[in-house]
């Protein structure tokens, strides 16, 4: 289990009781941020490093899928989870295609299931960050090698 400071989760849902229940359930294991609207969620994303983003599909301001698609370019790193009480296959397809969703979960959520999904999502987040750093290092070494080869050819 990770410590509270290590995994930052943002949960966006227009139903306040869902937010309270989620925070009460997981606050000892994770650092939980909640938002009742996508616009508040965007502000939290701007102010904090969020690892995992859990978004309700059906909200008045915009759908969860629309929200995830709207932030993809600015915030590509968080692992995305779509949560809904409705079994709408088109929402699932849209979420996967437009919002790059890692998992789709149904309401009401099961505490053990969502905990497992969060831990797996964080592992994926960590692997992606490590891959990004390794790629950056590889590119730097490649540039140094190219420079050394050019120097050798010129001498």
C-alpha atoms as a PDB file:
ATOM      1  CA  UNK A   1       0.000   0.000   0.000  1.00  0.00           C
ATOM      2  CA  UNK A   2       1.286   3.473  -0.883  1.00  0.00           C
ATOM      3  CA  UNK A   3       1.450   6.225   1.695  1.00  0.00           C
ATOM      4  CA  UNK A   4      -1.085   9.073   1.652  1.00  0.00           C
ATOM      5  CA  UNK A   5       1.289  11.609   0.085  1.00  0.00           C
ATOM      6  CA  UNK A   6       2.344   9.371  -2.790  1.00  0.00           C
ATOM      7  CA  UNK A   7      -0.862   9.018  -4.820  1.00  0.00           C
ATOM      8  CA  UNK A   8      -2.901  12.110  -5.652  1.00  0.00           C
ATOM      9  CA  UNK A   9      -6.409  11.318  -6.861  1.00  0.00           C
ATOM     10  CA  UNK A  10      -8.913  13.799  -8.247  1.00  0.00           C
ATOM     11  CA  UNK A  11     -12.526  12.609  -8.222  1.00  0.00           C
ATOM     12  CA  UNK A  12     -15.040  14.747 -10.131  1.00  0.00           C
ATOM     13  CA  UNK A  13     -18.745  14.071  -9.604  1.00  0.00           C
ATOM     14  CA  UNK A  14     -21.742  16.410  -9.493  1.00  0.00           C
ATOM     15  CA  UNK A  15     -23.252  14.419  -6.598  1.00  0.00           C
ATOM     16  CA  UNK A  16     -21.724  15.743  -3.344  1.00  0.00           C
ATOM     17  CA  UNK A  17     -22.601  12.633  -1.322  1.00  0.00           C
ATOM     18  CA  UNK A  18     -20.535  10.493  -3.748  1.00  0.00           C
ATOM     19  CA  UNK A  19     -17.559  12.795  -3.227  1.00  0.00           C
ATOM     20  CA  UNK A  20     -17.905  12.667   0.561  1.00  0.00           C
ATOM     21  CA  UNK A  21     -18.241   8.872   0.562  1.00  0.00           C
ATOM     22  CA  UNK A  22     -15.216   8.446  -1.710  1.00  0.00           C
ATOM     23  CA  UNK A  23     -13.043  10.773   0.369  1.00  0.00           C
ATOM     24  CA  UNK A  24     -14.143   9.138   3.643  1.00  0.00           C
ATOM     25  CA  UNK A  25     -13.368   5.684   2.255  1.00  0.00           C
ATOM     26  CA  UNK A  26      -9.957   6.366   0.722  1.00  0.00           C
ATOM     27  CA  UNK A  27      -8.445   9.354   2.574  1.00  0.00           C
ATOM     28  CA  UNK A  28      -6.260   7.123   4.764  1.00  0.00           C
ATOM     29  CA  UNK A  29      -4.700   5.423   1.733  1.00  0.00           C
ATOM     30  CA  UNK A  30      -4.507   8.218  -0.835  1.00  0.00           C
ATOM     31  CA  UNK A  31      -4.387  12.002  -1.088  1.00  0.00           C
ATOM     32  CA  UNK A  32      -7.923  12.780  -2.310  1.00  0.00           C
ATOM     33  CA  UNK A  33      -9.038  15.907  -4.148  1.00  0.00           C
ATOM     34  CA  UNK A  34     -12.717  16.286  -5.051  1.00  0.00           C
ATOM     35  CA  UNK A  35     -14.641  18.587  -7.365  1.00  0.00           C
ATOM     36  CA  UNK A  36     -18.371  18.982  -8.031  1.00  0.00           C
ATOM     37  CA  UNK A  37     -17.834  20.462 -11.500  1.00  0.00           C
ATOM     38  CA  UNK A  38     -15.366  19.994 -14.351  1.00  0.00           C
ATOM     39  CA  UNK A  39     -14.296  23.649 -14.063  1.00  0.00           C
ATOM     40  CA  UNK A  40     -13.317  23.154 -10.401  1.00  0.00           C
ATOM     41  CA  UNK A  41     -11.565  19.956 -11.480  1.00  0.00           C
ATOM     42  CA  UNK A  42      -9.515  21.892 -14.046  1.00  0.00           C
ATOM     43  CA  UNK A  43      -8.426  24.339 -11.350  1.00  0.00           C
ATOM     44  CA  UNK A  44      -7.326  21.475  -9.089  1.00  0.00           C
ATOM     45  CA  UNK A  45      -5.363  19.989 -12.002  1.00  0.00           C
ATOM     46  CA  UNK A  46      -3.680  23.352 -12.560  1.00  0.00           C
ATOM     47  CA  UNK A  47      -2.685  23.658  -8.893  1.00  0.00           C
ATOM     48  CA  UNK A  48      -1.679  20.051  -8.065  1.00  0.00           C
ATOM     49  CA  UNK A  49       0.172  17.082  -9.529  1.00  0.00           C
ATOM     50  CA  UNK A  50      -2.630  14.577 -10.038  1.00  0.00           C
ATOM     51  CA  UNK A  51      -1.719  10.951 -10.710  1.00  0.00           C
ATOM     52  CA  UNK A  52      -5.182   9.440 -11.112  1.00  0.00           C
ATOM     53  CA  UNK A  53      -8.309  11.137 -12.371  1.00  0.00           C
ATOM     54  CA  UNK A  54     -11.715   9.578 -11.657  1.00  0.00           C
ATOM     55  CA  UNK A  55     -14.596  11.273 -13.453  1.00  0.00           C
ATOM     56  CA  UNK A  56     -18.328  10.636 -13.401  1.00  0.00           C
ATOM     57  CA  UNK A  57     -19.729  10.313 -16.924  1.00  0.00           C
ATOM     58  CA  UNK A  58     -23.035  12.134 -16.404  1.00  0.00           C
ATOM     59  CA  UNK A  59     -22.643  15.705 -15.184  1.00  0.00           C
ATOM     60  CA  UNK A  60     -24.629  18.828 -16.124  1.00  0.00           C
ATOM     61  CA  UNK A  61     -21.709  21.006 -17.257  1.00  0.00           C
ATOM     62  CA  UNK A  62     -20.247  18.363 -19.606  1.00  0.00           C
ATOM     63  CA  UNK A  63     -19.887  14.607 -19.719  1.00  0.00           C
ATOM     64  CA  UNK A  64     -16.922  12.879 -18.179  1.00  0.00           C
ATOM     65  CA  UNK A  65     -15.768  11.872 -21.650  1.00  0.00           C
ATOM     66  CA  UNK A  66     -15.934  15.485 -22.860  1.00  0.00           C
ATOM     67  CA  UNK A  67     -13.993  16.629 -19.803  1.00  0.00           C
ATOM     68  CA  UNK A  68     -11.264  14.036 -20.290  1.00  0.00           C
ATOM     69  CA  UNK A  69     -10.931  14.907 -23.985  1.00  0.00           C
ATOM     70  CA  UNK A  70     -10.767  18.632 -23.152  1.00  0.00           C
ATOM     71  CA  UNK A  71      -7.788  18.250 -20.794  1.00  0.00           C
ATOM     72  CA  UNK A  72      -5.835  15.604 -22.685  1.00  0.00           C
ATOM     73  CA  UNK A  73      -3.397  17.989 -24.362  1.00  0.00           C
ATOM     74  CA  UNK A  74      -2.718  20.080 -21.244  1.00  0.00           C
ATOM     75  CA  UNK A  75      -2.690  17.203 -18.734  1.00  0.00           C
ATOM     76  CA  UNK A  76      -1.704  13.974 -20.549  1.00  0.00           C
ATOM     77  CA  UNK A  77      -0.071  12.295 -17.531  1.00  0.00           C
ATOM     78  CA  UNK A  78      -2.933  11.415 -15.149  1.00  0.00           C
ATOM     79  CA  UNK A  79      -4.358   7.943 -15.567  1.00  0.00           C
ATOM     80  CA  UNK A  80      -8.058   8.284 -16.382  1.00  0.00           C
ATOM     81  CA  UNK A  81     -10.926   6.272 -14.909  1.00  0.00           C
ATOM     82  CA  UNK A  82     -14.533   6.821 -15.979  1.00  0.00           C
ATOM     83  CA  UNK A  83     -17.222   6.096 -13.398  1.00  0.00           C
ATOM     84  CA  UNK A  84     -20.924   5.873 -14.148  1.00  0.00           C
ATOM     85  CA  UNK A  85     -24.161   4.464 -12.847  1.00  0.00           C
ATOM     86  CA  UNK A  86     -25.379   3.847 -16.378  1.00  0.00           C
ATOM     87  CA  UNK A  87     -24.328   1.113 -18.755  1.00  0.00           C
ATOM     88  CA  UNK A  88     -23.974   3.197 -21.883  1.00  0.00           C
ATOM     89  CA  UNK A  89     -21.708   1.381 -24.357  1.00  0.00           C
ATOM     90  CA  UNK A  90     -21.378   4.526 -26.497  1.00  0.00           C
ATOM     91  CA  UNK A  91     -19.997   6.416 -23.489  1.00  0.00           C
ATOM     92  CA  UNK A  92     -17.452   3.663 -22.964  1.00  0.00           C
ATOM     93  CA  UNK A  93     -16.369   3.719 -26.608  1.00  0.00           C
ATOM     94  CA  UNK A  94     -16.155   7.537 -26.602  1.00  0.00           C
ATOM     95  CA  UNK A  95     -14.177   7.490 -23.367  1.00  0.00           C
ATOM     96  CA  UNK A  96     -11.650   5.049 -24.724  1.00  0.00           C
ATOM     97  CA  UNK A  97     -11.311   6.769 -28.096  1.00  0.00           C
ATOM     98  CA  UNK A  98     -11.457  10.434 -27.063  1.00  0.00           C
ATOM     99  CA  UNK A  99     -10.375  10.562 -23.452  1.00  0.00           C
ATOM    100  CA  UNK A 100      -7.793   7.768 -23.325  1.00  0.00           C
ATOM    101  CA  UNK A 101      -9.525   6.083 -20.407  1.00  0.00           C
ATOM    102  CA  UNK A 102      -7.636   3.365 -18.542  1.00  0.00           C
ATOM    103  CA  UNK A 103     -10.695   1.785 -16.920  1.00  0.00           C
ATOM    104  CA  UNK A 104     -14.457   2.100 -16.892  1.00  0.00           C
ATOM    105  CA  UNK A 105     -16.137   1.394 -13.538  1.00  0.00           C
ATOM    106  CA  UNK A 106     -19.793   1.142 -12.606  1.00  0.00           C
ATOM    107  CA  UNK A 107     -21.597   2.778  -9.713  1.00  0.00           C
ATOM    108  CA  UNK A 108     -22.083   1.847  -7.028  1.00  0.00           C
ATOM    109  CA  UNK A 109     -18.371   1.111  -6.753  1.00  0.00           C
ATOM    110  CA  UNK A 110     -16.931  -1.672  -4.653  1.00  0.00           C
ATOM    111  CA  UNK A 111     -14.235  -0.438  -2.241  1.00  0.00           C
ATOM    112  CA  UNK A 112     -11.884  -3.372  -2.839  1.00  0.00           C
ATOM    113  CA  UNK A 113     -12.282  -3.228  -6.621  1.00  0.00           C
ATOM    114  CA  UNK A 114     -11.649   0.489  -6.841  1.00  0.00           C
ATOM    115  CA  UNK A 115      -8.648   0.229  -4.494  1.00  0.00           C
ATOM    116  CA  UNK A 116      -7.132  -2.431  -6.770  1.00  0.00           C
ATOM    117  CA  UNK A 117      -7.846  -0.337  -9.877  1.00  0.00           C
ATOM    118  CA  UNK A 118      -6.259   2.739  -8.249  1.00  0.00           C
ATOM    119  CA  UNK A 119      -3.118   0.814  -7.286  1.00  0.00           C
ATOM    120  CA  UNK A 120      -2.841  -0.656 -10.789  1.00  0.00           C
ATOM    121  CA  UNK A 121      -3.428   2.768 -12.331  1.00  0.00           C
ATOM    122  CA  UNK A 122      -0.676   4.265 -10.183  1.00  0.00           C
ATOM    123  CA  UNK A 123       1.690   1.495 -11.256  1.00  0.00           C
ATOM    124  CA  UNK A 124       0.899   2.389 -14.881  1.00  0.00           C
ATOM    125  CA  UNK A 125       1.452   6.099 -14.088  1.00  0.00           C
ATOM    126  CA  UNK A 126       4.867   5.265 -12.606  1.00  0.00           C
ATOM    127  CA  UNK A 127       5.866   3.087 -15.556  1.00  0.00           C
ATOM    128  CA  UNK A 128       4.890   5.797 -18.035  1.00  0.00           C
ATOM    129  CA  UNK A 129       6.914   8.387 -16.098  1.00  0.00           C
ATOM    130  CA  UNK A 130       9.937   6.064 -15.992  1.00  0.00           C
ATOM    131  CA  UNK A 131       9.637   5.393 -19.728  1.00  0.00           C
ATOM    132  CA  UNK A 132       9.459   9.124 -20.431  1.00  0.00           C
ATOM    133  CA  UNK A 133      12.616   9.711 -18.373  1.00  0.00           C
ATOM    134  CA  UNK A 134      14.450   6.817 -20.029  1.00  0.00           C
ATOM    135  CA  UNK A 135      13.533   8.145 -23.473  1.00  0.00           C
ATOM    136  CA  UNK A 136      14.812  11.608 -22.519  1.00  0.00           C
ATOM    137  CA  UNK A 137      18.090  10.120 -21.268  1.00  0.00           C
ATOM    138  CA  UNK A 138      18.445   8.033 -24.429  1.00  0.00           C
ATOM    139  CA  UNK A 139      17.920  11.098 -26.619  1.00  0.00           C
ATOM    140  CA  UNK A 140      20.560  13.045 -24.662  1.00  0.00           C
ATOM    141  CA  UNK A 141      23.099  10.218 -24.957  1.00  0.00           C
ATOM    142  CA  UNK A 142      22.290   9.908 -28.655  1.00  0.00           C
ATOM    143  CA  UNK A 143      22.968  13.625 -29.170  1.00  0.00           C
ATOM    144  CA  UNK A 144      26.280  13.322 -27.327  1.00  0.00           C
ATOM    145  CA  UNK A 145      27.301  10.365 -29.476  1.00  0.00           C
ATOM    146  CA  UNK A 146      26.360  12.211 -32.664  1.00  0.00           C
ATOM    147  CA  UNK A 147      28.444  15.185 -31.514  1.00  0.00           C
ATOM    148  CA  UNK A 148      31.425  12.940 -30.766  1.00  0.00           C
ATOM    149  CA  UNK A 149      31.125  11.247 -34.153  1.00  0.00           C
ATOM    150  CA  UNK A 150      30.993  14.638 -35.944  1.00  0.00           C
ATOM    151  CA  UNK A 151      34.062  15.807 -34.004  1.00  0.00           C
ATOM    152  CA  UNK A 152      35.931  12.644 -34.953  1.00  0.00           C
ATOM    153  CA  UNK A 153      34.972  13.011 -38.640  1.00  0.00           C
ATOM    154  CA  UNK A 154      36.119  16.639 -38.680  1.00  0.00           C
ATOM    155  CA  UNK A 155      39.539  15.941 -37.150  1.00  0.00           C
END
